[in-house]
Protein backbone atom coordinates (compact mmCIF):
# COMPACT_ATOMS: atom_id res chain seq x y z
CA UNK A 1 8.49 117.23 -10.35
CA UNK A 2 5.81 118.25 -12.84
CA UNK A 3 6.56 115.14 -14.94
CA UNK A 4 6.01 112.93 -11.89
CA UNK A 5 2.66 114.60 -11.15
CA UNK A 6 1.53 114.23 -14.75
CA UNK A 7 2.61 110.58 -14.81
CA UNK A 8 0.82 109.90 -11.51
CA UNK A 9 -2.35 111.61 -12.74
CA UNK A 10 -2.37 109.65 -16.01
CA UNK A 11 -1.60 106.41 -14.19
CA UNK A 12 -4.53 106.90 -11.80
CA UNK A 13 -6.87 107.83 -14.65
CA UNK A 14 -5.99 104.59 -16.42
CA UNK A 15 -5.94 102.27 -13.39
CA UNK A 16 -8.84 103.42 -11.20
CA UNK A 17 -11.61 102.44 -13.65
CA UNK A 18 -10.41 98.82 -13.41
CA UNK A 19 -10.22 98.61 -9.62
CA UNK A 20 -13.77 97.32 -9.24
CA UNK A 21 -14.63 99.96 -6.65
CA UNK A 22 -18.27 100.67 -5.92
CA UNK A 23 -20.05 97.69 -7.50
CA UNK A 24 -18.84 94.36 -6.08
CA UNK A 25 -20.73 92.19 -8.59
CA UNK A 26 -23.17 94.51 -10.45
CA UNK A 27 -25.92 91.89 -10.24
CA UNK A 28 -23.97 89.04 -11.77
CA UNK A 29 -24.48 85.43 -10.76
CA UNK A 30 -21.94 82.57 -10.97
CA UNK A 31 -21.98 80.67 -14.27
CA UNK A 32 -19.94 77.66 -15.36
CA UNK A 33 -19.86 76.18 -18.83
CA UNK A 34 -18.52 72.77 -19.80
CA UNK A 35 -17.50 72.04 -23.40
CA UNK A 36 -17.12 68.56 -24.88
CA UNK A 37 -16.44 67.59 -28.47
CA UNK A 38 -17.14 63.99 -29.48
CA UNK A 39 -17.53 63.17 -25.78
CA UNK A 40 -14.13 64.57 -24.75
CA UNK A 41 -13.35 67.78 -22.82
CA UNK A 42 -12.14 70.72 -24.90
CA UNK A 43 -9.37 72.61 -23.08
CA UNK A 44 -8.35 76.17 -23.98
CA UNK A 45 -11.56 76.98 -25.85
CA UNK A 46 -12.87 80.53 -25.70
CA UNK A 47 -16.53 80.94 -24.82
CA UNK A 48 -18.54 84.05 -25.63
CA UNK A 49 -22.06 84.77 -24.35
CA UNK A 50 -24.13 87.58 -25.89
CA UNK A 51 -27.51 88.77 -24.63
CA UNK A 52 -30.20 90.71 -26.51
CA UNK A 53 -28.91 94.01 -25.08
CA UNK A 54 -25.50 93.42 -26.66
CA UNK A 55 -23.72 92.65 -23.38
CA UNK A 56 -20.94 90.08 -23.50
CA UNK A 57 -19.56 87.60 -20.99
CA UNK A 58 -16.56 85.37 -21.65
CA UNK A 59 -14.51 82.46 -20.36
CA UNK A 60 -11.70 80.07 -21.27
CA UNK A 61 -11.99 76.34 -20.61
CA UNK A 62 -9.49 74.54 -18.40
CA UNK A 63 -8.01 71.09 -19.05
CA UNK A 64 -11.35 69.51 -18.01
CA UNK A 65 -13.31 71.60 -20.53
CA UNK A 66 -14.81 73.76 -17.74
CA UNK A 67 -14.93 77.56 -17.69
CA UNK A 68 -16.08 80.07 -15.11
CA UNK A 69 -17.73 82.89 -17.02
CA UNK A 70 -17.02 86.54 -16.27
CA UNK A 71 -18.40 89.89 -17.28
CA UNK A 72 -16.64 92.63 -15.31
CA UNK A 73 -13.86 90.82 -13.47
CA UNK A 74 -12.54 87.24 -13.45
CA UNK A 75 -15.05 84.61 -12.32
CA UNK A 76 -17.80 87.12 -11.40
CA UNK A 77 -20.39 85.36 -13.58
CA UNK A 78 -22.88 87.21 -15.73
CA UNK A 79 -26.22 88.96 -15.54
CA UNK A 80 -29.38 86.84 -15.50
CA UNK A 81 -31.08 86.40 -18.87
CA UNK A 82 -31.02 84.62 -22.23
CA UNK A 83 -27.71 84.33 -24.08
CA UNK A 84 -26.51 83.11 -27.43
CA UNK A 85 -23.23 81.22 -27.15
CA UNK A 86 -20.13 80.85 -29.32
CA UNK A 87 -17.28 78.41 -28.66
CA UNK A 88 -13.98 78.72 -30.49
CA UNK A 89 -10.77 76.74 -30.44
CA UNK A 90 -8.40 77.31 -33.28
CA UNK A 91 -4.77 78.02 -34.07
CA UNK A 92 -3.56 80.71 -36.42
CA UNK A 93 -0.63 79.56 -38.53
CA UNK A 94 1.55 82.17 -40.20
CA UNK A 95 3.67 81.19 -43.20
CA UNK A 96 7.45 81.25 -42.96
CA UNK A 97 8.39 83.97 -45.41
CA UNK A 98 11.37 83.53 -47.70
CA UNK A 99 14.05 86.24 -47.73
CA UNK A 100 11.37 88.85 -48.44
CA UNK A 101 7.69 88.75 -47.47
CA UNK A 102 6.64 90.50 -50.70
CA UNK A 103 7.14 89.11 -54.19
CA UNK A 104 7.78 91.02 -57.45
CA UNK A 105 4.09 91.88 -57.90
CA UNK A 106 3.83 93.48 -54.45
CA UNK A 107 1.49 90.85 -53.02
CA UNK A 108 2.20 88.92 -49.83
CA UNK A 109 3.63 85.45 -50.07
CA UNK A 110 1.81 82.64 -48.33
CA UNK A 111 -1.48 82.80 -46.50
CA UNK A 112 -2.40 82.87 -42.86
CA UNK A 113 -4.27 79.65 -42.04
CA UNK A 114 -6.68 78.84 -39.25
CA UNK A 115 -6.78 75.29 -37.92
CA UNK A 116 -10.08 74.66 -36.11
CA UNK A 117 -10.09 72.01 -33.38
CA UNK A 118 -13.89 72.05 -33.22
CA UNK A 119 -16.20 72.80 -36.16
CA UNK A 120 -15.95 76.44 -37.26
CA UNK A 121 -19.73 76.94 -37.04
CA UNK A 122 -19.51 77.00 -33.22
CA UNK A 123 -17.15 80.00 -33.30
CA UNK A 124 -19.89 82.34 -34.57
CA UNK A 125 -22.87 83.24 -32.41
CA UNK A 126 -25.11 83.42 -35.48
CA UNK A 127 -24.29 79.86 -36.62
CA UNK A 128 -23.46 77.97 -33.41
CA UNK A 129 -27.06 77.08 -32.53
CA UNK A 130 -26.06 77.28 -28.84
CA UNK A 131 -27.93 79.22 -26.17
CA UNK A 132 -28.48 79.26 -22.43
CA UNK A 133 -30.54 81.02 -19.79
CA UNK A 134 -28.90 82.33 -16.61
CA UNK A 135 -31.31 82.41 -13.64
CA UNK A 136 -30.61 84.17 -10.36
CA UNK A 137 -30.77 81.83 -7.36
CA UNK A 138 -30.26 78.72 -9.48
CA UNK A 139 -27.15 76.63 -10.17
CA UNK A 140 -26.09 77.89 -13.57
CA UNK A 141 -23.95 75.07 -14.96
CA UNK A 142 -24.28 74.37 -18.67
CA UNK A 143 -22.90 71.41 -20.62
CA UNK A 144 -22.51 71.73 -24.38
CA UNK A 145 -21.76 68.49 -26.21
CA UNK A 146 -20.49 69.53 -29.62
CA UNK A 147 -20.23 67.29 -32.69
CA UNK A 148 -19.53 67.46 -36.42
CA UNK A 149 -23.21 67.71 -37.38
């Protein structure tokens, strides 16, 4: 019986903080972002917004290149303000190791590779050159048309 009480207590301690009780939207406003590369939608891209206070908001684009941004819970939007933006779409490719993944010298065989589907510069907030301003009471839809330049 004591094990059940301990389990229940730990379960509630871990789950309750994520229930969203108390603050329905915490001042967030709806935000959508559309990503295009060379004029075509970019599906499955991850979008990161960062404001000057270090608060993040994120989203993943759908097949049409559209994402609904969230901060605290899915599709809740983000807080009003200025944001720097990063957009990333890449695959991580792991090498197929031979019989052993370590050679005679003790170093790993093969290298993990990253295949970027949009230029790598957009994946870093400091190099993307992308920004937006979220305004309360306004339609906050942002289109980013990315290119190789």
